[in-house]
Structure formats: C-alpha cells, structure tokens
Amino acid sequence: MKIELSSEQGIHVAKLVGRLDGFGAKEAEKLVPPVAPGSALVFDCSELSYLSSAGVRVMLAAHKAAAAQGAVVVLAAVQPYCASVLEMSGLAGVIPVYGSPGEAVHELNNRGADGTRAEKCETKTGVFIFHPVGSTAGTIDILGEVGNVIDCAITQENVVGKPFFETEYSLGVGALGAKPEDYLPLMGEAIMVAGAMVWLPTDGNNTPDYMIPRKASTTVVMQTGFNASIRGGFNEFVEFTAAPGRPASVRDIYRALFDLAKTRRPEYRGVLGLAMRAEIHEAFGAGIMKSPLLTNRPANGKMITDPSNYDAWFESDKTPRNQGTTALICGAGEDLTADLSQIDQELLRRMFYINLANKASQDEVLHNHAVFFRNAPAPGGTRDMDVEMRRVVDEGEFVDMRHLLDQTTVSSALIGVSYVQEVREDVRKG
C-alpha cells in the first residue's frame, strides 16, 4: 500500500495504490492526513486493487472524523471489486463517490467545503433544505412479511437471527434471547438505529428494552419474524423546520417529500426510506401487546388489526405522549399518487399495513417506528445521519419506544432520505 498525497485547486487528494488490506490499513492510518475543519479530502481509488473490512474502517473513520468538524471525505474512481466491497459492507451511499478525482475536485469546489449544494424548498408544511450525500440506488430489504404479524402466524421456523451490523436502519417485530422459549413469547415492535436495537417486549409491562453493542457479535442477535431494512445509504440529508406555531405531522412531512420528489428527483419511484432525528411536539404511538405467534391466533380467526380484535391486541395512544423529547425514527412510505409500476408490488404488500389508530389517508401508507430520548445533545451541524443519531444514543436519556402513528407532530428534524429504486427479499433462512 502506497499513498500519494497532492493538492488540486485547494482540495487535498490521497491516491491509494495497491492493497488496502489488514497490513495496508495500518500503513494508511499513519499516512492519511487529518482533515481540517471546513476542508475536504478525496480518496483517489483508481489504482486501489483490493479492499477489505480493515480498509473500509480506515475510510469510515476518516469520514466520521471529518464530518464531526464540518469537513468532508469523498471517494473517486472506485474500481468494480472495491465497489462491491463497499456495497457489501454497507458503506456505499454513506461516503459520496465520484467517477474521477477531477470530477470530485470540481464538485467540491462548486459545492463548498462540506461537499453539498443546498437546495431550499418552502412548503405549507415547513422549510426543507436538501443536501446531496450519495448517489447509490436506495433499496429496502424485506425479511418475512408483516402479514404474518397481523395474521398472527409467526412460528419458530420463520424467525431469523440478524446481526446488528446488518440491520443498522430497520424496523420490524423482534426480540432478544438465547433460546426460542426466551424470545418467542416476548416478540414485539422493534427498531434498529445507529447500531442500537430497541424493542417493546410483549410481557405486559409496557416497558421497552434495548441493546447498544460496542462490537459486532454473531451470538447476540435480533431474533425477528419480520424486518424491513434500509440499505445502500441515503441520497440526501435534509434539514426540516416546521412553519412557526404549526408543528408538522409525520404524514405531512412524508407528503411534502413525496410531492417534492416528483419534480426534484427523476429516479423517484414512489417509495421513500427515511431515518429521522425529530424534535417532538406531540407523539402518538402504538404497540402490539401479545407476541404474534400462531399459537396466539385469535379464536375468531381474524387478523389482529380487525376491529373485533384490535383493542385486545394493540395499545394505541388516544392522548399524546413524549412531548419535548427527541425521537430517532426509522421508516418507509409508499406514495399512492405516484407511478409504482417499477417497484415489486408483492414485496411492498409485505412491508405496509393499515393500523386502525392512524388517521385515514387515501394518498399514502406509512410504516414508522421510533425511540425517544430526553436531554439529547443539540444537532452537531454535520451532514451524517450516523453521527447525529449516535450522539443522541450515546448522550441522551433513553425514555421510550413505539410504533409511531402518522399524526405525531414535530417542530424540526434532520432527515436521511433514500429514494428507493428496489424493494428486495432478504433470502436468508432461519
């Protein structure tokens, strides 16, 4: 591994030559220059022939260190094998990628030191400021189907253990435990954000539990019968501020993003994946109260969302909770007014369902989970959802977790938006 350092039009360029493997990563850690506040660094990968997880960690560490100082790290001329490694590692879309070092330098100079060209859009819902952060095609991976939850049809055979690092932004139904008898009876609403898992055990205590790992593990995993994961990173980082005196509902925010996408994003296919740090005005939540196992199926044989079963199965807020908190939200939305023909309709049906506690809408269907914190640090001024959410997890006071109802209102938010190009099936087996 060699690193050739240069400067082009005021932008630092580090050309990586050879193999960024375990040994090369140690060398790179010594040679990669620190990125000063407000500046930028381009990793020229045109002669990088090999990349491993050790090398990915070097890139990610440089990216996060730069983001914490309002600076930016980008990649350029990534070769096919290395691009596949980035995709497999989940880093694709997190760090911006350009076709050549010259293109990267040109764009960085045109967009300013933070690597973005902000676009401000004023709507009746509030003000959105868009910052592009990645060009990777957004995807959502579906494991199982939400139909097995609302039909109360989950069995041990279709529960899968997913490592935390594979579900960094996801929602579903899950639990933690060593043996099936430990986790199957307690499976409830679950969310993964910033590497932390929070879930609502169906033990009758209405108290969320959580796990914040500091290293990867294949032993302590999320056991899930249904999971939807945002993959491929985010395409835009969005700063949102609601209109003065009029907090915006989660549905209104999605609706505005849907409508703006129709004119702003030619690749828009009618589905968004979102991660959001939201300052809550009033939250409305819901949660299943029993594990949706086949052995717990209602005696009348109807879905648990059927009006005859709903009250026995769901706790749903009639009055708001968690006012004045900070929520970390993961979710997805389907725009029913858009052309959805390019998205697999069968897989879409495996992700969305109608919750009776949501206010009826004919234009969109949403699925969101949230974890709430008090005394969270102020937003750090970065353009990195991982950094912003991790600071809340590390420094905030954990309060609650819920399936988030669409009528929840927020005063402001930082949003990572994935313009979903494909909904895929997660084919792993339990």
Protein backbone atom coordinates (compact mmCIF):
# COMPACT_ATOMS: atom_id res chain seq x y z
CA MET A 1 0.00 0.00 0.00
CA LYS A 2 1.28 3.41 -1.01
CA ILE A 3 -0.44 6.75 -0.55
CA GLU A 4 0.47 9.63 -2.84
CA LEU A 5 -0.59 12.99 -1.43
CA SER A 6 -1.30 16.05 -3.55
CA SER A 7 -3.45 19.16 -3.67
CA GLU A 8 -5.68 20.16 -6.58
CA GLN A 9 -7.45 23.54 -6.64
CA GLY A 10 -7.18 23.70 -2.87
CA ILE A 11 -8.62 20.18 -2.31
CA HIS A 12 -6.41 17.51 -0.70
CA VAL A 13 -6.15 14.26 -2.70
CA ALA A 14 -4.83 10.97 -1.29
CA LYS A 15 -4.17 8.44 -4.06
CA LEU A 16 -4.40 4.87 -2.74
CA VAL A 17 -2.14 2.46 -4.64
CA GLY A 18 -2.14 -1.30 -4.11
CA ARG A 19 -3.99 -3.31 -1.46
CA LEU A 20 -5.90 -1.74 1.42
CA ASP A 21 -5.92 -4.97 3.48
CA GLY A 22 -5.12 -5.54 7.14
CA PHE A 23 -1.46 -4.54 6.74
CA GLY A 24 -2.22 -1.73 4.30
CA ALA A 25 -4.83 -0.32 6.69
CA LYS A 26 -2.22 0.05 9.42
CA GLU A 27 0.02 1.93 6.99
CA ALA A 28 -2.86 4.07 5.79
CA GLU A 29 -3.77 5.09 9.35
CA LYS A 30 -0.28 6.61 9.64
CA LEU A 31 -0.27 8.32 6.25
CA VAL A 32 -3.84 9.63 5.72
CA PRO A 33 -3.70 13.33 6.58
CA PRO A 34 -6.17 14.79 9.09
CA VAL A 35 -8.96 16.80 7.51
CA ALA A 36 -9.09 20.34 8.83
CA PRO A 37 -12.42 21.93 9.77
CA GLY A 38 -14.26 23.17 6.69
CA SER A 39 -11.91 21.40 4.27
CA ALA A 40 -12.17 18.28 2.08
CA LEU A 41 -10.21 15.13 1.22
CA VAL A 42 -10.56 12.97 -1.90
CA PHE A 43 -9.53 9.30 -1.75
CA ASP A 44 -8.39 8.57 -5.33
CA CYS A 45 -9.11 4.82 -5.70
CA SER A 46 -8.17 4.48 -9.37
CA GLU A 47 -5.19 2.26 -8.51
CA LEU A 48 -6.65 0.59 -5.43
CA SER A 49 -6.77 -3.08 -6.44
CA TYR A 50 -8.04 -4.66 -3.22
CA LEU A 51 -10.16 -3.55 -0.26
CA SER A 52 -11.07 -5.46 2.91
CA SER A 53 -13.07 -4.63 6.03
CA ALA A 54 -9.90 -3.26 7.62
CA GLY A 55 -9.60 -0.76 4.76
CA VAL A 56 -13.28 0.10 4.95
CA ARG A 57 -12.78 1.01 8.63
CA VAL A 58 -10.00 3.42 7.66
CA MET A 59 -12.29 5.16 5.16
CA LEU A 60 -15.19 5.27 7.60
CA ALA A 61 -13.01 6.62 10.43
CA ALA A 62 -11.72 9.41 8.18
CA HIS A 63 -15.26 10.20 7.05
CA LYS A 64 -16.67 10.41 10.57
CA ALA A 65 -13.72 12.43 11.91
CA ALA A 66 -14.18 14.90 9.07
CA ALA A 67 -17.97 15.10 9.50
CA ALA A 68 -17.56 15.92 13.19
CA GLN A 69 -15.62 19.05 12.13
CA GLY A 70 -17.87 20.15 9.31
CA ALA A 71 -15.46 18.75 6.71
CA VAL A 72 -15.97 16.05 4.09
CA VAL A 73 -14.26 12.92 2.77
CA VAL A 74 -15.23 11.54 -0.66
CA LEU A 75 -14.14 8.64 -2.86
CA ALA A 76 -13.27 8.77 -6.55
CA ALA A 77 -12.69 6.23 -9.34
CA VAL A 78 -13.63 3.21 -7.24
CA GLN A 79 -12.88 0.01 -9.17
CA PRO A 80 -15.57 -2.72 -9.52
CA TYR A 81 -14.22 -5.14 -6.90
CA CYS A 82 -13.74 -2.40 -4.32
CA ALA A 83 -17.20 -1.00 -5.13
CA SER A 84 -18.67 -4.44 -4.38
CA VAL A 85 -16.86 -4.49 -1.03
CA LEU A 86 -18.29 -1.07 -0.17
CA GLU A 87 -21.79 -2.28 -1.03
CA MET A 88 -21.40 -5.48 1.00
CA SER A 89 -20.06 -3.55 3.99
CA GLY A 90 -22.98 -1.11 3.98
CA LEU A 91 -20.70 1.88 3.32
CA ALA A 92 -21.97 2.50 -0.21
CA GLY A 93 -24.01 5.70 -0.15
CA VAL A 94 -22.57 6.79 3.20
CA ILE A 95 -19.46 8.38 1.64
CA PRO A 96 -20.06 10.24 -1.65
CA VAL A 97 -18.46 8.56 -4.70
CA TYR A 98 -17.36 10.35 -7.88
CA GLY A 99 -16.28 8.95 -11.23
CA SER A 100 -12.83 10.57 -11.17
CA PRO A 101 -10.66 12.70 -8.87
CA GLY A 102 -11.10 15.63 -11.25
CA GLU A 103 -14.89 15.36 -11.02
CA ALA A 104 -14.69 15.17 -7.22
CA VAL A 105 -12.46 18.26 -7.01
CA HIS A 106 -14.73 20.19 -9.39
CA GLU A 107 -17.87 19.30 -7.44
CA LEU A 108 -16.29 20.05 -4.07
CA ASN A 109 -15.14 23.45 -5.25
CA ASN A 110 -18.56 24.22 -6.69
CA ARG A 111 -20.43 22.97 -3.64
CA GLY A 112 -18.22 24.33 -0.90
CA ALA A 113 -16.11 22.58 1.68
CA ASP A 114 -18.91 20.46 3.13
CA GLY A 115 -19.44 18.77 -0.24
CA THR A 116 -23.06 19.76 -0.72
CA ARG A 117 -25.07 22.16 -2.81
CA ALA A 118 -28.00 23.06 -0.60
CA GLU A 119 -31.46 23.43 -2.15
CA LYS A 120 -34.10 25.22 -0.11
CA CYS A 121 -37.77 24.41 -0.65
CA GLU A 122 -40.54 26.24 1.20
CA THR A 123 -43.86 24.38 1.54
CA LYS A 124 -47.02 24.75 3.58
CA THR A 125 -45.63 22.02 5.85
CA GLY A 126 -42.38 23.91 6.51
CA VAL A 127 -38.95 24.58 5.08
CA PHE A 128 -36.79 21.77 3.68
CA ILE A 129 -33.09 22.27 2.93
CA PHE A 130 -31.68 19.40 0.85
CA HIS A 131 -28.01 18.37 0.81
CA PRO A 132 -26.98 15.54 -1.57
CA VAL A 133 -24.83 12.94 0.20
CA GLY A 134 -24.80 9.83 -2.02
CA SER A 135 -25.77 8.51 -5.44
CA THR A 136 -26.12 4.79 -4.66
CA ALA A 137 -29.51 3.34 -5.62
CA GLY A 138 -31.64 3.03 -2.49
CA THR A 139 -33.07 -0.35 -1.58
CA ILE A 140 -35.22 -1.85 1.14
CA ASP A 141 -34.68 -5.49 2.10
CA ILE A 142 -37.68 -7.40 3.43
CA LEU A 143 -37.35 -10.45 5.66
CA GLY A 144 -40.62 -12.31 6.27
CA GLU A 145 -43.78 -10.29 5.88
CA VAL A 146 -45.90 -8.03 8.00
CA GLY A 147 -48.87 -10.21 7.00
CA ASN A 148 -47.55 -12.92 9.33
CA VAL A 149 -47.69 -10.39 12.14
CA ILE A 150 -51.23 -9.14 11.58
CA ASP A 151 -52.43 -12.68 10.77
CA CYS A 152 -50.75 -13.88 13.98
CA ALA A 153 -48.95 -16.60 12.03
CA ILE A 154 -45.29 -16.46 13.15
CA THR A 155 -43.69 -19.79 14.04
CA GLN A 156 -40.22 -20.70 15.24
CA GLU A 157 -39.38 -21.87 11.71
CA ASN A 158 -39.73 -18.41 10.17
CA VAL A 159 -37.84 -16.48 12.88
CA VAL A 160 -34.32 -15.46 11.84
CA GLY A 161 -31.39 -14.14 13.84
CA LYS A 162 -29.98 -10.97 12.23
CA PRO A 163 -26.68 -9.45 13.43
CA PHE A 164 -26.97 -5.82 14.47
CA PHE A 165 -24.49 -4.61 11.83
CA GLU A 166 -26.81 -5.95 9.10
CA THR A 167 -29.84 -4.00 10.32
CA GLU A 168 -28.47 -0.54 11.07
CA TYR A 169 -31.66 1.23 9.96
CA SER A 170 -34.61 -1.11 10.20
CA LEU A 171 -37.98 -1.75 11.79
CA GLY A 172 -39.98 -4.86 12.42
CA VAL A 173 -41.03 -7.32 15.09
CA GLY A 174 -38.30 -8.88 17.16
CA ALA A 175 -36.80 -9.83 20.50
CA LEU A 176 -33.52 -10.75 22.18
CA GLY A 177 -32.77 -14.01 23.90
CA ALA A 178 -30.61 -17.14 23.85
CA LYS A 179 -33.30 -19.77 23.22
CA PRO A 180 -36.67 -19.81 21.40
CA GLU A 181 -38.51 -20.14 24.69
CA ASP A 182 -36.77 -16.92 25.81
CA TYR A 183 -37.66 -14.72 22.85
CA LEU A 184 -40.67 -16.18 21.01
CA PRO A 185 -43.28 -15.36 23.70
CA LEU A 186 -41.99 -11.78 24.01
CA MET A 187 -41.65 -10.65 20.39
CA GLY A 188 -42.84 -7.08 19.90
CA GLU A 189 -42.25 -3.84 17.99
CA ALA A 190 -38.53 -3.30 17.27
CA ILE A 191 -36.27 -0.67 15.73
CA MET A 192 -32.58 -0.55 14.81
CA VAL A 193 -30.92 2.89 14.56
CA ALA A 194 -27.25 3.88 14.84
CA GLY A 195 -26.33 0.29 15.72
CA ALA A 196 -28.69 0.13 18.73
CA MET A 197 -31.69 -2.18 18.99
CA VAL A 198 -34.74 -1.10 20.98
CA TRP A 199 -37.80 -3.31 21.32
CA LEU A 200 -41.07 -3.44 23.23
CA PRO A 201 -41.40 -6.87 24.91
CA THR A 202 -44.95 -8.24 24.97
CA ASP A 203 -44.66 -9.25 28.64
CA GLY A 204 -47.46 -6.98 29.88
CA ASN A 205 -45.11 -4.44 31.47
CA ASN A 206 -45.22 -1.92 28.59
CA THR A 207 -41.52 -1.15 29.15
CA PRO A 208 -39.05 -1.06 26.24
CA ASP A 209 -35.72 -2.87 26.41
CA TYR A 210 -32.58 -2.05 24.45
CA MET A 211 -29.11 -3.20 23.47
CA ILE A 212 -26.29 -0.89 22.38
CA PRO A 213 -23.38 -3.07 21.19
CA ARG A 214 -19.83 -1.72 21.05
CA LYS A 215 -18.58 -4.50 18.79
CA ALA A 216 -20.05 -6.90 16.24
CA SER A 217 -21.41 -10.22 17.50
CA THR A 218 -22.88 -13.29 15.85
CA THR A 219 -24.19 -14.59 19.19
CA VAL A 220 -26.25 -11.66 20.48
CA VAL A 221 -28.54 -11.00 17.50
CA MET A 222 -32.03 -9.70 16.85
CA GLN A 223 -34.49 -12.57 16.50
CA THR A 224 -37.12 -11.41 14.03
CA GLY A 225 -40.10 -12.74 12.16
CA PHE A 226 -40.47 -9.55 10.09
CA ASN A 227 -37.86 -6.91 9.32
CA ALA A 228 -37.56 -4.11 6.76
CA SER A 229 -34.04 -2.66 6.37
CA ILE A 230 -32.96 0.49 4.51
CA ARG A 231 -29.87 -0.48 2.52
CA GLY A 232 -27.45 1.40 0.30
CA GLY A 233 -27.20 4.55 2.39
CA PHE A 234 -29.05 7.83 1.95
CA ASN A 235 -29.23 10.05 -1.11
CA GLU A 236 -29.98 13.31 0.68
CA PHE A 237 -29.59 14.84 4.11
CA VAL A 238 -32.49 17.17 4.84
CA GLU A 239 -32.87 19.94 7.41
CA PHE A 240 -36.57 20.49 8.16
CA THR A 241 -38.21 23.29 10.15
CA ALA A 242 -41.97 23.40 10.61
CA ALA A 243 -43.92 26.58 9.97
CA PRO A 244 -43.92 28.88 13.04
CA GLY A 245 -46.58 27.82 15.53
CA ARG A 246 -47.68 24.89 13.36
CA PRO A 247 -45.84 21.64 14.15
CA ALA A 248 -45.91 19.23 11.21
CA SER A 249 -47.27 15.71 11.36
CA VAL A 250 -45.15 12.79 10.23
CA ARG A 251 -47.69 12.25 7.45
CA ASP A 252 -47.34 15.88 6.31
CA ILE A 253 -43.55 15.54 6.18
CA TYR A 254 -43.77 12.40 4.05
CA ARG A 255 -46.39 14.02 1.82
CA ALA A 256 -44.20 17.06 1.23
CA LEU A 257 -41.16 14.85 0.48
CA PHE A 258 -43.26 12.76 -1.93
CA ASP A 259 -44.51 15.82 -3.79
CA LEU A 260 -41.08 17.46 -3.94
CA ALA A 261 -39.51 14.23 -5.21
CA LYS A 262 -41.82 14.22 -8.21
CA THR A 263 -40.25 17.41 -9.50
CA ARG A 264 -36.75 17.22 -7.99
CA ARG A 265 -35.69 13.59 -8.40
CA PRO A 266 -36.04 11.88 -11.80
CA GLU A 267 -35.27 8.49 -10.24
CA TYR A 268 -38.25 8.74 -7.86
CA ARG A 269 -40.36 5.57 -7.98
CA GLY A 270 -42.95 6.29 -5.31
CA VAL A 271 -41.23 4.79 -2.24
CA LEU A 272 -39.03 6.52 0.34
CA GLY A 273 -36.92 5.12 3.15
CA LEU A 274 -36.30 7.60 5.98
CA ALA A 275 -34.15 7.92 9.07
CA MET A 276 -35.02 10.95 11.15
CA ARG A 277 -33.84 12.79 14.23
CA ALA A 278 -37.03 14.67 15.14
CA GLU A 279 -37.78 17.19 17.87
CA ILE A 280 -41.17 16.02 19.11
CA HIS A 281 -44.13 18.29 19.76
CA GLU A 282 -46.64 15.51 20.45
CA ALA A 283 -46.08 11.80 19.85
CA PHE A 284 -48.79 9.21 19.27
CA GLY A 285 -47.72 5.60 19.46
CA ALA A 286 -48.98 2.06 19.29
CA GLY A 287 -47.68 -1.36 20.11
CA ILE A 288 -48.78 -4.98 19.95
CA MET A 289 -49.45 -6.39 23.42
CA LYS A 290 -49.04 -10.09 22.60
CA SER A 291 -46.44 -11.97 20.60
CA PRO A 292 -47.96 -12.60 17.12
CA LEU A 293 -47.30 -16.34 17.23
CA LEU A 294 -49.52 -18.86 15.51
CA THR A 295 -50.26 -20.34 18.93
CA ASN A 296 -51.71 -16.95 20.00
CA ARG A 297 -54.03 -16.54 16.99
CA PRO A 298 -57.40 -15.00 17.94
CA ALA A 299 -60.19 -17.54 18.43
CA ASN A 300 -62.30 -15.85 15.75
CA GLY A 301 -59.56 -16.48 13.16
CA LYS A 302 -59.47 -12.84 12.03
CA MET A 303 -56.46 -10.54 11.75
CA ILE A 304 -55.33 -8.78 14.92
CA THR A 305 -55.99 -5.46 13.14
CA ASP A 306 -59.65 -6.41 12.61
CA PRO A 307 -61.92 -4.11 14.70
CA SER A 308 -63.16 -7.16 16.64
CA ASN A 309 -59.61 -7.92 17.83
CA TYR A 310 -57.80 -4.57 17.75
CA ASP A 311 -58.34 -3.41 21.33
CA ALA A 312 -57.24 -6.76 22.74
CA TRP A 313 -54.04 -6.73 20.72
CA PHE A 314 -52.91 -3.11 20.46
CA GLU A 315 -52.19 -0.36 22.92
CA SER A 316 -52.78 2.86 20.97
CA ASP A 317 -52.46 6.39 22.28
CA LYS A 318 -55.63 8.46 22.43
CA THR A 319 -53.71 11.34 24.00
CA PRO A 320 -50.16 12.43 23.14
CA ARG A 321 -47.04 11.24 24.92
CA ASN A 322 -43.34 12.12 24.98
CA GLN A 323 -43.76 15.86 24.40
CA GLY A 324 -40.48 17.73 24.28
CA THR A 325 -38.38 14.66 23.51
CA THR A 326 -36.02 13.84 20.68
CA ALA A 327 -37.08 10.86 18.57
CA LEU A 328 -34.91 8.68 16.37
CA ILE A 329 -37.23 7.37 13.68
CA CYS A 330 -36.81 4.71 11.03
CA GLY A 331 -39.49 4.14 8.44
CA ALA A 332 -40.72 3.91 4.91
CA GLY A 333 -43.57 5.39 2.94
CA GLU A 334 -45.48 4.48 -0.20
CA ASP A 335 -46.92 7.32 -2.29
CA LEU A 336 -50.23 6.04 -3.64
CA THR A 337 -50.46 9.01 -6.02
CA ALA A 338 -47.20 8.05 -7.78
CA ASP A 339 -46.44 5.56 -10.54
CA LEU A 340 -45.38 2.48 -8.53
CA SER A 341 -45.09 0.14 -11.51
CA GLN A 342 -41.30 -0.14 -11.24
CA ILE A 343 -41.45 -1.47 -7.66
CA ASP A 344 -42.30 -5.10 -6.85
CA GLN A 345 -45.91 -4.83 -5.64
CA GLU A 346 -45.92 -8.17 -3.81
CA LEU A 347 -42.91 -7.11 -1.75
CA LEU A 348 -44.50 -3.73 -1.00
CA ARG A 349 -47.50 -5.53 0.47
CA ARG A 350 -45.11 -7.41 2.76
CA MET A 351 -43.93 -4.12 4.30
CA PHE A 352 -47.06 -1.99 4.79
CA TYR A 353 -50.35 -2.50 6.61
CA ILE A 354 -53.23 -0.34 7.81
CA ASN A 355 -53.22 0.44 11.53
CA LEU A 356 -56.68 1.45 12.74
CA ALA A 357 -55.19 4.05 15.10
CA ASN A 358 -53.78 6.06 12.18
CA LYS A 359 -55.97 8.77 10.73
CA ALA A 360 -57.25 7.52 7.39
CA SER A 361 -55.48 8.61 4.20
CA GLN A 362 -56.08 7.67 0.59
CA ASP A 363 -52.81 9.14 -0.69
CA GLU A 364 -50.04 7.34 1.22
CA VAL A 365 -49.34 4.44 3.53
CA LEU A 366 -46.52 4.73 6.08
CA HIS A 367 -44.72 2.41 8.47
CA ASN A 368 -42.52 4.04 11.14
CA HIS A 369 -41.00 3.10 14.49
CA ALA A 370 -39.33 5.49 16.93
CA VAL A 371 -37.19 5.54 20.05
CA PHE A 372 -37.40 8.61 22.33
CA PHE A 373 -34.75 10.43 24.39
CA ARG A 374 -34.71 13.36 26.79
CA ASN A 375 -31.81 15.78 27.27
CA ALA A 376 -30.38 14.90 23.87
CA PRO A 377 -27.43 16.98 22.63
CA ALA A 378 -28.14 19.71 20.13
CA PRO A 379 -27.65 18.77 16.47
CA GLY A 380 -23.96 18.84 15.69
CA GLY A 381 -24.04 20.61 12.33
CA THR A 382 -22.87 17.57 10.35
CA ARG A 383 -24.34 16.04 7.20
CA ASP A 384 -24.11 12.49 8.54
CA MET A 385 -27.14 10.66 9.96
CA ASP A 386 -24.92 8.07 11.66
CA VAL A 387 -23.04 10.79 13.55
CA GLU A 388 -26.19 12.71 14.51
CA MET A 389 -28.07 9.63 15.72
CA ARG A 390 -25.11 8.09 17.54
CA ARG A 391 -24.66 11.29 19.57
CA VAL A 392 -28.27 11.06 20.73
CA VAL A 393 -27.87 7.36 21.63
CA ASP A 394 -24.61 7.99 23.49
CA GLU A 395 -25.52 11.21 25.30
CA GLY A 396 -29.32 11.28 25.59
CA GLU A 397 -31.52 9.78 28.31
CA PHE A 398 -33.49 6.82 26.94
CA VAL A 399 -37.25 7.21 27.51
CA ASP A 400 -39.48 5.06 25.32
CA MET A 401 -40.01 3.13 22.07
CA ARG A 402 -43.19 2.79 19.96
CA HIS A 403 -44.66 2.05 16.57
CA LEU A 404 -45.10 5.68 15.52
CA LEU A 405 -48.51 6.84 14.36
CA ASP A 406 -48.76 9.19 11.41
CA GLN A 407 -50.41 12.01 13.41
CA THR A 408 -47.28 12.50 15.56
CA THR A 409 -46.11 16.12 15.25
CA VAL A 410 -42.59 17.53 15.15
CA SER A 411 -41.16 21.04 15.22
CA SER A 412 -37.91 20.31 13.39
CA ALA A 413 -35.94 17.33 12.10
CA LEU A 414 -32.80 16.10 10.41
CA ILE A 415 -33.76 13.50 7.82
CA GLY A 416 -31.82 10.96 5.79
CA VAL A 417 -33.77 10.21 2.61
CA SER A 418 -33.33 7.12 0.45
CA TYR A 419 -35.09 7.29 -2.94
CA VAL A 420 -35.89 3.60 -3.12
CA GLN A 421 -35.20 2.02 -6.51
CA GLU A 422 -35.86 -1.55 -5.48
CA VAL A 423 -37.60 -3.50 -2.74
CA ARG A 424 -35.85 -6.84 -2.38
CA GLU A 425 -36.45 -10.05 -0.50
CA ASP A 426 -33.94 -10.98 2.19
CA VAL A 427 -33.50 -14.64 1.29
CA ARG A 428 -31.65 -15.83 4.39
CA LYS A 429 -33.20 -18.74 6.25
CA GLY A 430 -33.69 -19.23 9.95
